[in-house]
PDB file of N, CA and C in Angstrom:
ATOM      1  N   MET A   1     121.165 100.659 127.050  1.00  0.00           N
ATOM      2  CA  MET A   1     120.299 100.697 125.990  1.00  0.00           C
ATOM      3  C   MET A   1     120.816  99.821 124.783  1.00  0.00           C
ATOM      4  N   PRO A   2     120.332  98.833 124.347  1.00  0.00           N
ATOM      5  CA  PRO A   2     121.110  97.897 123.395  1.00  0.00           C
ATOM      6  C   PRO A   2     121.219  98.591 122.111  1.00  0.00           C
ATOM      7  N   GLU A   3     122.351  98.306 121.449  1.00  0.00           N
ATOM      8  CA  GLU A   3     122.653  98.786 120.128  1.00  0.00           C
ATOM      9  C   GLU A   3     121.785  98.094 119.088  1.00  0.00           C
ATOM     10  N   VAL A   4     121.276  98.874 118.267  1.00  0.00           N
ATOM     11  CA  VAL A   4     120.424  98.229 117.153  1.00  0.00           C
ATOM     12  C   VAL A   4     121.239  98.145 115.798  1.00  0.00           C
ATOM     13  N   THR A   5     121.412  96.912 115.312  1.00  0.00           N
ATOM     14  CA  THR A   5     122.066  96.747 114.071  1.00  0.00           C
ATOM     15  C   THR A   5     121.172  96.055 113.017  1.00  0.00           C
ATOM     16  N   ILE A   6     121.168  96.579 111.797  1.00  0.00           N
ATOM     17  CA  ILE A   6     120.231  95.989 110.646  1.00  0.00           C
ATOM     18  C   ILE A   6     121.291  95.358 109.628  1.00  0.00           C
ATOM     19  N   TYR A   7     121.233  94.062 109.583  1.00  0.00           N
ATOM     20  CA  TYR A   7     122.074  93.366 108.514  1.00  0.00           C
ATOM     21  C   TYR A   7     121.284  93.350 107.241  1.00  0.00           C
ATOM     22  N   SER A   8     121.634  93.929 106.300  1.00  0.00           N
ATOM     23  CA  SER A   8     120.900  94.202 105.164  1.00  0.00           C
ATOM     24  C   SER A   8     121.597  93.972 103.810  1.00  0.00           C
ATOM     25  N   THR A   9     120.928  94.047 102.699  1.00  0.00           N
ATOM     26  CA  THR A   9     121.577  93.995 101.362  1.00  0.00           C
ATOM     27  C   THR A   9     121.234  95.192 100.470  1.00  0.00           C
ATOM     28  N   LYS A  10     121.888  95.243  99.298  1.00  0.00           N
ATOM     29  CA  LYS A  10     121.707  96.492  98.465  1.00  0.00           C
ATOM     30  C   LYS A  10     120.360  96.216  97.814  1.00  0.00           C
ATOM     31  N   ASN A  11     119.566  97.321  97.464  1.00  0.00           N
ATOM     32  CA  ASN A  11     118.244  97.293  96.911  1.00  0.00           C
ATOM     33  C   ASN A  11     117.318  96.418  97.524  1.00  0.00           C
ATOM     34  N   CYS A  12     117.186  96.387  98.855  1.00  0.00           N
ATOM     35  CA  CYS A  12     116.211  95.414  99.396  1.00  0.00           C
ATOM     36  C   CYS A  12     115.046  96.309  99.954  1.00  0.00           C
ATOM     37  N   SER A  13     114.053  95.871  99.301  1.00  0.00           N
ATOM     38  CA  SER A  13     112.573  97.006  99.727  1.00  0.00           C
ATOM     39  C   SER A  13     112.091  96.601 101.260  1.00  0.00           C
ATOM     40  N   MET A  14     112.396  95.539 101.581  1.00  0.00           N
ATOM     41  CA  MET A  14     111.943  95.308 103.120  1.00  0.00           C
ATOM     42  C   MET A  14     112.882  95.951 104.102  1.00  0.00           C
ATOM     43  N   CYS A  15     114.282  96.090 103.605  1.00  0.00           N
ATOM     44  CA  CYS A  15     115.382  96.681 104.536  1.00  0.00           C
ATOM     45  C   CYS A  15     114.979  98.253 104.401  1.00  0.00           C
ATOM     46  N   GLY A  16     114.538  98.814 103.160  1.00  0.00           N
ATOM     47  CA  GLY A  16     114.155 100.292 103.257  1.00  0.00           C
ATOM     48  C   GLY A  16     112.854 100.575 104.030  1.00  0.00           C
ATOM     49  N   ALA A  17     112.009  99.727 104.120  1.00  0.00           N
ATOM     50  CA  ALA A  17     110.643  99.767 104.833  1.00  0.00           C
ATOM     51  C   ALA A  17     111.032  99.857 106.306  1.00  0.00           C
ATOM     52  N   THR A  18     112.005  98.812 106.693  1.00  0.00           N
ATOM     53  CA  THR A  18     112.494  98.952 108.138  1.00  0.00           C
ATOM     54  C   THR A  18     113.146 100.071 108.541  1.00  0.00           C
ATOM     55  N   TYR A  19     113.926 100.548 107.705  1.00  0.00           N
ATOM     56  CA  TYR A  19     114.797 101.845 108.044  1.00  0.00           C
ATOM     57  C   TYR A  19     113.900 102.977 108.176  1.00  0.00           C
ATOM     58  N   ARG A  20     112.829 102.998 107.288  1.00  0.00           N
ATOM     59  CA  ARG A  20     111.824 104.239 107.366  1.00  0.00           C
ATOM     60  C   ARG A  20     110.943 104.058 108.607  1.00  0.00           C
ATOM     61  N   ALA A  21     110.647 102.893 109.165  1.00  0.00           N
ATOM     62  CA  ALA A  21     109.793 102.598 110.175  1.00  0.00           C
ATOM     63  C   ALA A  21     110.653 102.967 111.552  1.00  0.00           C
ATOM     64  N   LEU A  22     111.947 102.417 111.556  1.00  0.00           N
ATOM     65  CA  LEU A  22     112.775 102.796 112.804  1.00  0.00           C
ATOM     66  C   LEU A  22     113.043 104.312 112.773  1.00  0.00           C
ATOM     67  N   ASP A  23     113.228 105.006 111.622  1.00  0.00           N
ATOM     68  CA  ASP A  23     113.417 106.443 111.577  1.00  0.00           C
ATOM     69  C   ASP A  23     112.261 107.189 112.189  1.00  0.00           C
ATOM     70  N   ARG A  24     110.849 106.606 111.789  1.00  0.00           N
ATOM     71  CA  ARG A  24     109.623 107.383 112.419  1.00  0.00           C
ATOM     72  C   ARG A  24     109.721 107.185 113.897  1.00  0.00           C
ATOM     73  N   LYS A  25     110.172 106.122 114.279  1.00  0.00           N
ATOM     74  CA  LYS A  25     110.043 105.918 115.785  1.00  0.00           C
ATOM     75  C   LYS A  25     111.145 106.414 116.484  1.00  0.00           C
ATOM     76  N   GLY A  26     112.235 107.180 115.792  1.00  0.00           N
ATOM     77  CA  GLY A  26     113.426 107.770 116.395  1.00  0.00           C
ATOM     78  C   GLY A  26     114.302 106.799 117.003  1.00  0.00           C
ATOM     79  N   VAL A  27     114.504 105.571 116.393  1.00  0.00           N
ATOM     80  CA  VAL A  27     115.218 104.628 116.878  1.00  0.00           C
ATOM     81  C   VAL A  27     116.707 104.571 115.986  1.00  0.00           C
ATOM     82  N   ASP A  28     117.745 104.755 116.599  1.00  0.00           N
ATOM     83  CA  ASP A  28     119.154 105.009 115.986  1.00  0.00           C
ATOM     84  C   ASP A  28     119.581 103.521 115.662  1.00  0.00           C
ATOM     85  N   TYR A  29     120.142 103.350 114.588  1.00  0.00           N
ATOM     86  CA  TYR A  29     120.664 101.959 114.104  1.00  0.00           C
ATOM     87  C   TYR A  29     121.904 102.034 113.379  1.00  0.00           C
ATOM     88  N   THR A  30     122.502 100.948 113.264  1.00  0.00           N
ATOM     89  CA  THR A  30     123.782 100.819 112.200  1.00  0.00           C
ATOM     90  C   THR A  30     123.334  99.825 111.146  1.00  0.00           C
ATOM     91  N   VAL A  31     123.638 100.040 109.880  1.00  0.00           N
ATOM     92  CA  VAL A  31     123.614  99.216 108.727  1.00  0.00           C
ATOM     93  C   VAL A  31     124.805  98.425 108.349  1.00  0.00           C
ATOM     94  N   ILE A  32     124.551  97.192 108.331  1.00  0.00           N
ATOM     95  CA  ILE A  32     125.849  96.345 107.757  1.00  0.00           C
ATOM     96  C   ILE A  32     125.364  95.626 106.584  1.00  0.00           C
ATOM     97  N   ASN A  33     126.067  95.826 105.444  1.00  0.00           N
ATOM     98  CA  ASN A  33     125.604  94.966 104.139  1.00  0.00           C
ATOM     99  C   ASN A  33     126.242  93.639 104.202  1.00  0.00           C
ATOM    100  N   VAL A  34     125.557  92.685 104.439  1.00  0.00           N
ATOM    101  CA  VAL A  34     125.881  91.198 104.549  1.00  0.00           C
ATOM    102  C   VAL A  34     126.596  90.780 103.151  1.00  0.00           C
ATOM    103  N   ALA A  35     126.213  91.425 102.017  1.00  0.00           N
ATOM    104  CA  ALA A  35     126.942  91.090 100.713  1.00  0.00           C
ATOM    105  C   ALA A  35     128.361  91.578 100.783  1.00  0.00           C
ATOM    106  N   GLU A  36     128.605  92.493 101.490  1.00  0.00           N
ATOM    107  CA  GLU A  36     130.000  92.994 101.573  1.00  0.00           C
ATOM    108  C   GLU A  36     130.864  92.545 102.860  1.00  0.00           C
ATOM    109  N   ASP A  37     130.207  91.812 103.642  1.00  0.00           N
ATOM    110  CA  ASP A  37     130.842  91.490 105.006  1.00  0.00           C
ATOM    111  C   ASP A  37     130.678  90.159 105.291  1.00  0.00           C
ATOM    112  N   PRO A  38     131.499  89.280 104.993  1.00  0.00           N
ATOM    113  CA  PRO A  38     131.542  87.773 105.175  1.00  0.00           C
ATOM    114  C   PRO A  38     131.227  87.378 106.580  1.00  0.00           C
ATOM    115  N   VAL A  39     131.772  87.987 107.481  1.00  0.00           N
ATOM    116  CA  VAL A  39     131.714  87.805 108.856  1.00  0.00           C
ATOM    117  C   VAL A  39     130.190  88.079 109.324  1.00  0.00           C
ATOM    118  N   ALA A  40     129.642  89.295 108.817  1.00  0.00           N
ATOM    119  CA  ALA A  40     128.255  89.657 109.147  1.00  0.00           C
ATOM    120  C   ALA A  40     127.449  88.515 108.629  1.00  0.00           C
ATOM    121  N   TYR A  41     127.570  88.266 107.404  1.00  0.00           N
ATOM    122  CA  TYR A  41     126.780  87.145 106.565  1.00  0.00           C
ATOM    123  C   TYR A  41     126.821  85.759 107.515  1.00  0.00           C
ATOM    124  N   ALA A  42     127.743  85.367 107.882  1.00  0.00           N
ATOM    125  CA  ALA A  42     128.055  84.105 108.751  1.00  0.00           C
ATOM    126  C   ALA A  42     127.247  84.285 110.061  1.00  0.00           C
ATOM    127  N   TYR A  43     127.290  85.478 110.732  1.00  0.00           N
ATOM    128  CA  TYR A  43     126.722  85.835 111.807  1.00  0.00           C
ATOM    129  C   TYR A  43     125.098  85.627 111.630  1.00  0.00           C
ATOM    130  N   VAL A  44     124.611  86.294 110.583  1.00  0.00           N
ATOM    131  CA  VAL A  44     123.158  86.167 110.220  1.00  0.00           C
ATOM    132  C   VAL A  44     122.659  84.794 110.072  1.00  0.00           C
ATOM    133  N   LYS A  45     123.468  84.071 109.251  1.00  0.00           N
ATOM    134  CA  LYS A  45     123.266  82.583 109.060  1.00  0.00           C
ATOM    135  C   LYS A  45     123.099  81.895 110.457  1.00  0.00           C
ATOM    136  N   SER A  46     124.132  82.060 111.190  1.00  0.00           N
ATOM    137  CA  SER A  46     124.160  81.554 112.557  1.00  0.00           C
ATOM    138  C   SER A  46     122.963  81.656 113.484  1.00  0.00           C
ATOM    139  N   LEU A  47     122.294  82.837 113.186  1.00  0.00           N
ATOM    140  CA  LEU A  47     121.150  83.080 113.975  1.00  0.00           C
ATOM    141  C   LEU A  47     119.864  82.313 113.257  1.00  0.00           C
ATOM    142  N   GLY A  48     119.938  81.627 111.891  1.00  0.00           N
ATOM    143  CA  GLY A  48     119.020  81.025 111.385  1.00  0.00           C
ATOM    144  C   GLY A  48     118.218  81.740 110.282  1.00  0.00           C
ATOM    145  N   TYR A  49     119.066  82.847 109.956  1.00  0.00           N
ATOM    146  CA  TYR A  49     118.157  83.692 108.883  1.00  0.00           C
ATOM    147  C   TYR A  49     118.677  83.562 107.535  1.00  0.00           C
ATOM    148  N   ASN A  50     117.674  83.652 106.544  1.00  0.00           N
ATOM    149  CA  ASN A  50     118.036  83.444 105.109  1.00  0.00           C
ATOM    150  C   ASN A  50     117.520  84.709 104.324  1.00  0.00           C
ATOM    151  N   GLN A  51     116.674  85.753 105.123  1.00  0.00           N
ATOM    152  CA  GLN A  51     116.199  86.730 104.340  1.00  0.00           C
ATOM    153  C   GLN A  51     116.534  88.094 105.150  1.00  0.00           C
ATOM    154  N   ALA A  52     116.954  89.102 104.347  1.00  0.00           N
ATOM    155  CA  ALA A  52     117.040  90.475 104.710  1.00  0.00           C
ATOM    156  C   ALA A  52     115.913  91.361 104.861  1.00  0.00           C
ATOM    157  N   PRO A  53     115.771  92.234 105.690  1.00  0.00           N
ATOM    158  CA  PRO A  53     116.905  92.619 106.782  1.00  0.00           C
ATOM    159  C   PRO A  53     116.832  91.632 108.107  1.00  0.00           C
ATOM    160  N   VAL A  54     117.847  91.627 108.632  1.00  0.00           N
ATOM    161  CA  VAL A  54     117.820  91.056 110.060  1.00  0.00           C
ATOM    162  C   VAL A  54     118.138  92.145 110.994  1.00  0.00           C
ATOM    163  N   VAL A  55     117.317  92.193 112.037  1.00  0.00           N
ATOM    164  CA  VAL A  55     117.363  93.329 112.948  1.00  0.00           C
ATOM    165  C   VAL A  55     117.727  92.718 114.292  1.00  0.00           C
ATOM    166  N   VAL A  56     119.076  93.194 114.853  1.00  0.00           N
ATOM    167  CA  VAL A  56     119.397  92.709 116.055  1.00  0.00           C
ATOM    168  C   VAL A  56     119.630  93.942 117.236  1.00  0.00           C
ATOM    169  N   ALA A  57     118.966  93.662 118.304  1.00  0.00           N
ATOM    170  CA  ALA A  57     118.971  94.613 119.382  1.00  0.00           C
ATOM    171  C   ALA A  57     119.147  93.914 120.799  1.00  0.00           C
ATOM    172  N   GLY A  58     120.367  93.699 121.056  1.00  0.00           N
ATOM    173  CA  GLY A  58     120.672  93.062 122.253  1.00  0.00           C
ATOM    174  C   GLY A  58     120.366  91.581 122.089  1.00  0.00           C
ATOM    175  N   ASP A  59     119.420  90.907 122.872  1.00  0.00           N
ATOM    176  CA  ASP A  59     119.079  89.554 122.752  1.00  0.00           C
ATOM    177  C   ASP A  59     117.898  89.337 121.824  1.00  0.00           C
ATOM    178  N   THR A  60     117.349  90.357 121.302  1.00  0.00           N
ATOM    179  CA  THR A  60     116.214  90.368 120.404  1.00  0.00           C
ATOM    180  C   THR A  60     116.592  90.405 118.905  1.00  0.00           C
ATOM    181  N   HIS A  61     116.073  89.602 118.142  1.00  0.00           N
ATOM    182  CA  HIS A  61     116.392  89.811 116.722  1.00  0.00           C
ATOM    183  C   HIS A  61     115.086  89.122 115.750  1.00  0.00           C
ATOM    184  N   TRP A  62     115.019  89.625 114.725  1.00  0.00           N
ATOM    185  CA  TRP A  62     113.988  89.170 113.821  1.00  0.00           C
ATOM    186  C   TRP A  62     114.503  89.316 112.272  1.00  0.00           C
ATOM    187  N   SER A  63     113.817  88.942 111.417  1.00  0.00           N
ATOM    188  CA  SER A  63     114.172  88.950 110.007  1.00  0.00           C
ATOM    189  C   SER A  63     112.791  89.530 109.219  1.00  0.00           C
ATOM    190  N   GLY A  64     112.986  90.266 108.151  1.00  0.00           N
ATOM    191  CA  GLY A  64     111.956  90.719 107.328  1.00  0.00           C
ATOM    192  C   GLY A  64     111.539  92.173 107.924  1.00  0.00           C
ATOM    193  N   PHE A  65     110.668  92.660 107.006  1.00  0.00           N
ATOM    194  CA  PHE A  65     109.912  93.821 107.650  1.00  0.00           C
ATOM    195  C   PHE A  65     108.775  93.460 108.612  1.00  0.00           C
ATOM    196  N   ARG A  66     109.046  94.057 109.888  1.00  0.00           N
ATOM    197  CA  ARG A  66     108.087  93.591 110.946  1.00  0.00           C
ATOM    198  C   ARG A  66     107.558  94.755 111.519  1.00  0.00           C
ATOM    199  N   PRO A  67     106.550  95.441 111.284  1.00  0.00           N
ATOM    200  CA  PRO A  67     106.221  96.678 112.097  1.00  0.00           C
ATOM    201  C   PRO A  67     105.777  96.396 113.485  1.00  0.00           C
ATOM    202  N   ASP A  68     105.303  95.317 113.668  1.00  0.00           N
ATOM    203  CA  ASP A  68     104.976  94.992 115.047  1.00  0.00           C
ATOM    204  C   ASP A  68     106.323  94.877 116.048  1.00  0.00           C
ATOM    205  N   LYS A  69     107.220  94.315 115.405  1.00  0.00           N
ATOM    206  CA  LYS A  69     108.649  94.289 116.209  1.00  0.00           C
ATOM    207  C   LYS A  69     109.262  95.612 116.296  1.00  0.00           C
ATOM    208  N   VAL A  70     109.037  96.463 115.355  1.00  0.00           N
ATOM    209  CA  VAL A  70     109.672  97.975 115.284  1.00  0.00           C
ATOM    210  C   VAL A  70     109.002  98.804 116.399  1.00  0.00           C
ATOM    211  N   LEU A  71     107.567  98.431 116.533  1.00  0.00           N
ATOM    212  CA  LEU A  71     106.912  99.200 117.576  1.00  0.00           C
ATOM    213  C   LEU A  71     107.227  98.754 118.936  1.00  0.00           C
ATOM    214  N   GLU A  72     107.439  97.401 119.038  1.00  0.00           N
ATOM    215  CA  GLU A  72     107.866  96.813 120.303  1.00  0.00           C
ATOM    216  C   GLU A  72     109.221  97.254 120.691  1.00  0.00           C
ATOM    217  N   LEU A  73     110.078  97.346 119.851  1.00  0.00           N
ATOM    218  CA  LEU A  73     111.715  97.749 119.973  1.00  0.00           C
ATOM    219  C   LEU A  73     111.550  99.161 120.473  1.00  0.00           C
ATOM    220  N   ALA A  74     110.794  99.920 119.687  1.00  0.00           N
ATOM    221  CA  ALA A  74     110.758 101.614 120.124  1.00  0.00           C
ATOM    222  C   ALA A  74     110.110 101.593 121.479  1.00  0.00           C
ATOM    223  N   ASN A  75     109.070 100.926 121.813  1.00  0.00           N
ATOM    224  CA  ASN A  75     108.480 101.184 123.076  1.00  0.00           C
ATOM    225  C   ASN A  75     109.494 100.705 124.177  1.00  0.00           C
ATOM    226  N   SER A  76     110.295  99.577 123.873  1.00  0.00           N
ATOM    227  CA  SER A  76     111.258  99.244 124.876  1.00  0.00           C
ATOM    228  C   SER A  76     112.315 100.099 125.178  1.00  0.00           C
ATOM    229  N   LEU A  77     112.754 100.636 123.946  1.00  0.00           N
ATOM    230  CA  LEU A  77     114.025 101.652 124.285  1.00  0.00           C
ATOM    231  C   LEU A  77     113.359 102.834 124.798  1.00  0.00           C
ATOM    232  N   SER A  78     112.065 103.281 124.662  1.00  0.00           N
ATOM    233  CA  SER A  78     111.827 104.504 125.321  1.00  0.00           C
ATOM    234  C   SER A  78     111.418 104.339 126.760  1.00  0.00           C
ATOM    235  N   SER A  79     111.347 103.097 127.309  1.00  0.00           N
ATOM    236  CA  SER A  79     111.160 102.800 128.634  1.00  0.00           C
ATOM    237  C   SER A  79     112.340 102.585 129.464  1.00  0.00           C
ATOM    238  N   VAL A  80     113.618 102.705 128.679  1.00  0.00           N
ATOM    239  CA  VAL A  80     114.871 102.404 129.390  1.00  0.00           C
ATOM    240  C   VAL A  80     115.202 103.763 130.039  1.00  0.00           C
TER     241      VAL A  80
END
């Protein structure tokens, strides 16, 4: 099962919406604040993203609040 990591910033409304959506689906995740971690910030930039949150689960990743992607991720994790 892939580890789910959310690259976030403080006071990010889309980040909060993503946390709540993942919580409702029972998906465990780790949060990394890119404003406090330059290595994480560089990683997010290397993926081509300029907007938080960035959700990474294995080879899958996306930026912003994406309920469709949250559902897709939850379904893929429940079938593992």
